[in-house]
């Protein structure tokens, strides 16, 4: 056995610094944290409204304009688009599924399977 097995000199990198779940309160956020958060019902209502607006915008596109719109997005934009497409599949309205399938097809062509994997495994949801 080596003599220096209990030595910690080799540990020069703090791996906890890179943990995304580590909470560090910053001074600007401390003032905002003192204010009460909106009620969970209000937050859920705002999310529902935002999803409704995005789905209305997605369904208002013409089929010929979808590809151009998807091509103008970066990787994060395509991932966000896929999140909203899947959210739209959860609560379909009249003829929305056909249009969302077109969006999904075009986003898949640009973003690839990686986009689907990132959306399905993301911790943050919309």
C-alpha atoms as a PDB file:
ATOM      1  CA  UNK A   1       0.000   0.000   0.000  1.00  0.00           C
ATOM      2  CA  UNK A   2       1.069   3.547  -0.599  1.00  0.00           C
ATOM      3  CA  UNK A   3       2.024   5.711   2.323  1.00  0.00           C
ATOM      4  CA  UNK A   4       0.050   8.795   1.342  1.00  0.00           C
ATOM      5  CA  UNK A   5      -3.426   7.311   0.879  1.00  0.00           C
ATOM      6  CA  UNK A   6      -4.904   9.769   3.358  1.00  0.00           C
ATOM      7  CA  UNK A   7      -3.285  12.763   1.711  1.00  0.00           C
ATOM      8  CA  UNK A   8      -5.628  15.219   0.050  1.00  0.00           C
ATOM      9  CA  UNK A   9      -3.021  17.190  -1.860  1.00  0.00           C
ATOM     10  CA  UNK A  10      -4.212  15.753  -5.153  1.00  0.00           C
ATOM     11  CA  UNK A  11      -7.636  17.367  -4.676  1.00  0.00           C
ATOM     12  CA  UNK A  12      -7.197  20.790  -6.169  1.00  0.00           C
ATOM     13  CA  UNK A  13     -10.500  21.007  -8.048  1.00  0.00           C
ATOM     14  CA  UNK A  14     -13.734  21.697  -6.210  1.00  0.00           C
ATOM     15  CA  UNK A  15     -16.243  19.550  -8.103  1.00  0.00           C
ATOM     16  CA  UNK A  16     -19.140  20.933  -6.070  1.00  0.00           C
ATOM     17  CA  UNK A  17     -18.568  24.230  -7.863  1.00  0.00           C
ATOM     18  CA  UNK A  18     -19.914  22.663 -11.079  1.00  0.00           C
ATOM     19  CA  UNK A  19     -23.012  21.064  -9.519  1.00  0.00           C
ATOM     20  CA  UNK A  20     -26.093  22.611 -11.139  1.00  0.00           C
ATOM     21  CA  UNK A  21     -28.226  21.792  -8.100  1.00  0.00           C
ATOM     22  CA  UNK A  22     -25.982  23.709  -5.710  1.00  0.00           C
ATOM     23  CA  UNK A  23     -27.770  26.789  -4.376  1.00  0.00           C
ATOM     24  CA  UNK A  24     -25.779  29.987  -4.064  1.00  0.00           C
ATOM     25  CA  UNK A  25     -27.713  33.072  -3.100  1.00  0.00           C
ATOM     26  CA  UNK A  26     -26.457  36.174  -4.845  1.00  0.00           C
ATOM     27  CA  UNK A  27     -26.965  39.699  -3.462  1.00  0.00           C
ATOM     28  CA  UNK A  28     -29.446  40.779  -6.190  1.00  0.00           C
ATOM     29  CA  UNK A  29     -31.458  37.623  -5.696  1.00  0.00           C
ATOM     30  CA  UNK A  30     -31.578  38.160  -1.934  1.00  0.00           C
ATOM     31  CA  UNK A  31     -33.740  41.258  -2.365  1.00  0.00           C
ATOM     32  CA  UNK A  32     -35.997  39.448  -4.821  1.00  0.00           C
ATOM     33  CA  UNK A  33     -36.247  36.476  -2.483  1.00  0.00           C
ATOM     34  CA  UNK A  34     -37.614  38.735   0.255  1.00  0.00           C
ATOM     35  CA  UNK A  35     -40.682  39.406  -1.875  1.00  0.00           C
ATOM     36  CA  UNK A  36     -43.346  36.734  -1.687  1.00  0.00           C
ATOM     37  CA  UNK A  37     -43.544  34.371  -4.629  1.00  0.00           C
ATOM     38  CA  UNK A  38     -46.749  34.266  -6.618  1.00  0.00           C
ATOM     39  CA  UNK A  39     -49.104  31.556  -5.585  1.00  0.00           C
ATOM     40  CA  UNK A  40     -48.624  28.227  -7.395  1.00  0.00           C
ATOM     41  CA  UNK A  41     -52.104  28.588  -8.877  1.00  0.00           C
ATOM     42  CA  UNK A  42     -51.167  31.908 -10.464  1.00  0.00           C
ATOM     43  CA  UNK A  43     -47.952  30.457 -11.851  1.00  0.00           C
ATOM     44  CA  UNK A  44     -49.819  27.477 -13.314  1.00  0.00           C
ATOM     45  CA  UNK A  45     -52.360  29.830 -14.869  1.00  0.00           C
ATOM     46  CA  UNK A  46     -49.607  31.929 -16.452  1.00  0.00           C
ATOM     47  CA  UNK A  47     -47.945  28.819 -17.865  1.00  0.00           C
ATOM     48  CA  UNK A  48     -51.250  27.658 -19.349  1.00  0.00           C
ATOM     49  CA  UNK A  49     -51.779  31.045 -20.988  1.00  0.00           C
ATOM     50  CA  UNK A  50     -48.244  31.100 -22.388  1.00  0.00           C
ATOM     51  CA  UNK A  51     -48.666  27.603 -23.793  1.00  0.00           C
ATOM     52  CA  UNK A  52     -51.963  28.619 -25.356  1.00  0.00           C
ATOM     53  CA  UNK A  53     -50.396  31.640 -27.018  1.00  0.00           C
ATOM     54  CA  UNK A  54     -47.460  29.636 -28.376  1.00  0.00           C
ATOM     55  CA  UNK A  55     -49.745  26.911 -29.712  1.00  0.00           C
ATOM     56  CA  UNK A  56     -51.978  29.528 -31.339  1.00  0.00           C
ATOM     57  CA  UNK A  57     -48.921  31.022 -33.051  1.00  0.00           C
ATOM     58  CA  UNK A  58     -47.679  27.606 -34.184  1.00  0.00           C
ATOM     59  CA  UNK A  59     -51.046  26.664 -35.655  1.00  0.00           C
ATOM     60  CA  UNK A  60     -51.382  30.015 -37.449  1.00  0.00           C
ATOM     61  CA  UNK A  61     -48.290  29.359 -39.617  1.00  0.00           C
ATOM     62  CA  UNK A  62     -48.830  28.242 -43.195  1.00  0.00           C
ATOM     63  CA  UNK A  63     -47.349  24.860 -44.092  1.00  0.00           C
ATOM     64  CA  UNK A  64     -44.937  26.462 -46.553  1.00  0.00           C
ATOM     65  CA  UNK A  65     -43.537  28.833 -43.881  1.00  0.00           C
ATOM     66  CA  UNK A  66     -42.778  26.208 -41.228  1.00  0.00           C
ATOM     67  CA  UNK A  67     -39.460  25.032 -42.683  1.00  0.00           C
ATOM     68  CA  UNK A  68     -38.115  28.569 -43.014  1.00  0.00           C
ATOM     69  CA  UNK A  69     -39.112  29.363 -39.429  1.00  0.00           C
ATOM     70  CA  UNK A  70     -37.448  26.212 -38.060  1.00  0.00           C
ATOM     71  CA  UNK A  71     -34.263  26.848 -40.041  1.00  0.00           C
ATOM     72  CA  UNK A  72     -33.949  30.285 -38.427  1.00  0.00           C
ATOM     73  CA  UNK A  73     -33.758  28.769 -34.906  1.00  0.00           C
ATOM     74  CA  UNK A  74     -30.611  27.790 -33.045  1.00  0.00           C
ATOM     75  CA  UNK A  75     -30.234  24.524 -31.101  1.00  0.00           C
ATOM     76  CA  UNK A  76     -31.852  25.870 -27.931  1.00  0.00           C
ATOM     77  CA  UNK A  77     -34.700  27.335 -29.938  1.00  0.00           C
ATOM     78  CA  UNK A  78     -35.378  24.009 -31.616  1.00  0.00           C
ATOM     79  CA  UNK A  79     -35.364  22.256 -28.246  1.00  0.00           C
ATOM     80  CA  UNK A  80     -37.853  24.788 -26.892  1.00  0.00           C
ATOM     81  CA  UNK A  81     -39.997  24.378 -29.989  1.00  0.00           C
ATOM     82  CA  UNK A  82     -40.018  20.612 -29.456  1.00  0.00           C
ATOM     83  CA  UNK A  83     -41.104  21.118 -25.838  1.00  0.00           C
ATOM     84  CA  UNK A  84     -44.083  23.159 -26.977  1.00  0.00           C
ATOM     85  CA  UNK A  85     -44.913  20.668 -29.728  1.00  0.00           C
ATOM     86  CA  UNK A  86     -45.008  17.833 -27.197  1.00  0.00           C
ATOM     87  CA  UNK A  87     -47.064  19.993 -24.825  1.00  0.00           C
ATOM     88  CA  UNK A  88     -49.487  20.594 -27.692  1.00  0.00           C
ATOM     89  CA  UNK A  89     -49.760  16.842 -28.249  1.00  0.00           C
ATOM     90  CA  UNK A  90     -50.830  16.471 -24.611  1.00  0.00           C
ATOM     91  CA  UNK A  91     -53.854  18.728 -25.101  1.00  0.00           C
ATOM     92  CA  UNK A  92     -54.893  18.538 -28.751  1.00  0.00           C
ATOM     93  CA  UNK A  93     -57.468  20.864 -30.235  1.00  0.00           C
ATOM     94  CA  UNK A  94     -59.242  20.629 -33.557  1.00  0.00           C
ATOM     95  CA  UNK A  95     -56.672  20.091 -36.343  1.00  0.00           C
ATOM     96  CA  UNK A  96     -53.750  21.064 -34.088  1.00  0.00           C
ATOM     97  CA  UNK A  97     -52.191  17.588 -34.131  1.00  0.00           C
ATOM     98  CA  UNK A  98     -51.694  17.631 -37.912  1.00  0.00           C
ATOM     99  CA  UNK A  99     -50.004  21.022 -37.792  1.00  0.00           C
ATOM    100  CA  UNK A 100     -47.876  20.058 -34.766  1.00  0.00           C
ATOM    101  CA  UNK A 101     -46.754  16.921 -36.625  1.00  0.00           C
ATOM    102  CA  UNK A 102     -45.502  19.155 -39.436  1.00  0.00           C
ATOM    103  CA  UNK A 103     -43.593  21.278 -36.910  1.00  0.00           C
ATOM    104  CA  UNK A 104     -42.192  18.105 -35.344  1.00  0.00           C
ATOM    105  CA  UNK A 105     -41.075  16.786 -38.723  1.00  0.00           C
ATOM    106  CA  UNK A 106     -39.239  19.977 -39.640  1.00  0.00           C
ATOM    107  CA  UNK A 107     -37.690  20.389 -36.172  1.00  0.00           C
ATOM    108  CA  UNK A 108     -36.530  16.767 -36.227  1.00  0.00           C
ATOM    109  CA  UNK A 109     -34.912  17.302 -39.630  1.00  0.00           C
ATOM    110  CA  UNK A 110     -32.926  20.258 -38.307  1.00  0.00           C
ATOM    111  CA  UNK A 111     -32.330  19.234 -34.679  1.00  0.00           C
ATOM    112  CA  UNK A 112     -31.968  15.481 -35.149  1.00  0.00           C
ATOM    113  CA  UNK A 113     -32.711  12.812 -32.573  1.00  0.00           C
ATOM    114  CA  UNK A 114     -30.592  14.674 -30.039  1.00  0.00           C
ATOM    115  CA  UNK A 115     -33.276  17.321 -29.800  1.00  0.00           C
ATOM    116  CA  UNK A 116     -35.893  14.733 -28.850  1.00  0.00           C
ATOM    117  CA  UNK A 117     -33.591  13.162 -26.271  1.00  0.00           C
ATOM    118  CA  UNK A 118     -32.771  16.543 -24.724  1.00  0.00           C
ATOM    119  CA  UNK A 119     -36.454  17.436 -24.475  1.00  0.00           C
ATOM    120  CA  UNK A 120     -37.518  14.133 -22.950  1.00  0.00           C
ATOM    121  CA  UNK A 121     -34.700  14.099 -20.406  1.00  0.00           C
ATOM    122  CA  UNK A 122     -34.769  17.807 -19.490  1.00  0.00           C
ATOM    123  CA  UNK A 123     -35.317  18.643 -15.848  1.00  0.00           C
ATOM    124  CA  UNK A 124     -36.910  21.976 -16.584  1.00  0.00           C
ATOM    125  CA  UNK A 125     -40.325  21.757 -18.171  1.00  0.00           C
ATOM    126  CA  UNK A 126     -42.496  24.422 -19.674  1.00  0.00           C
END
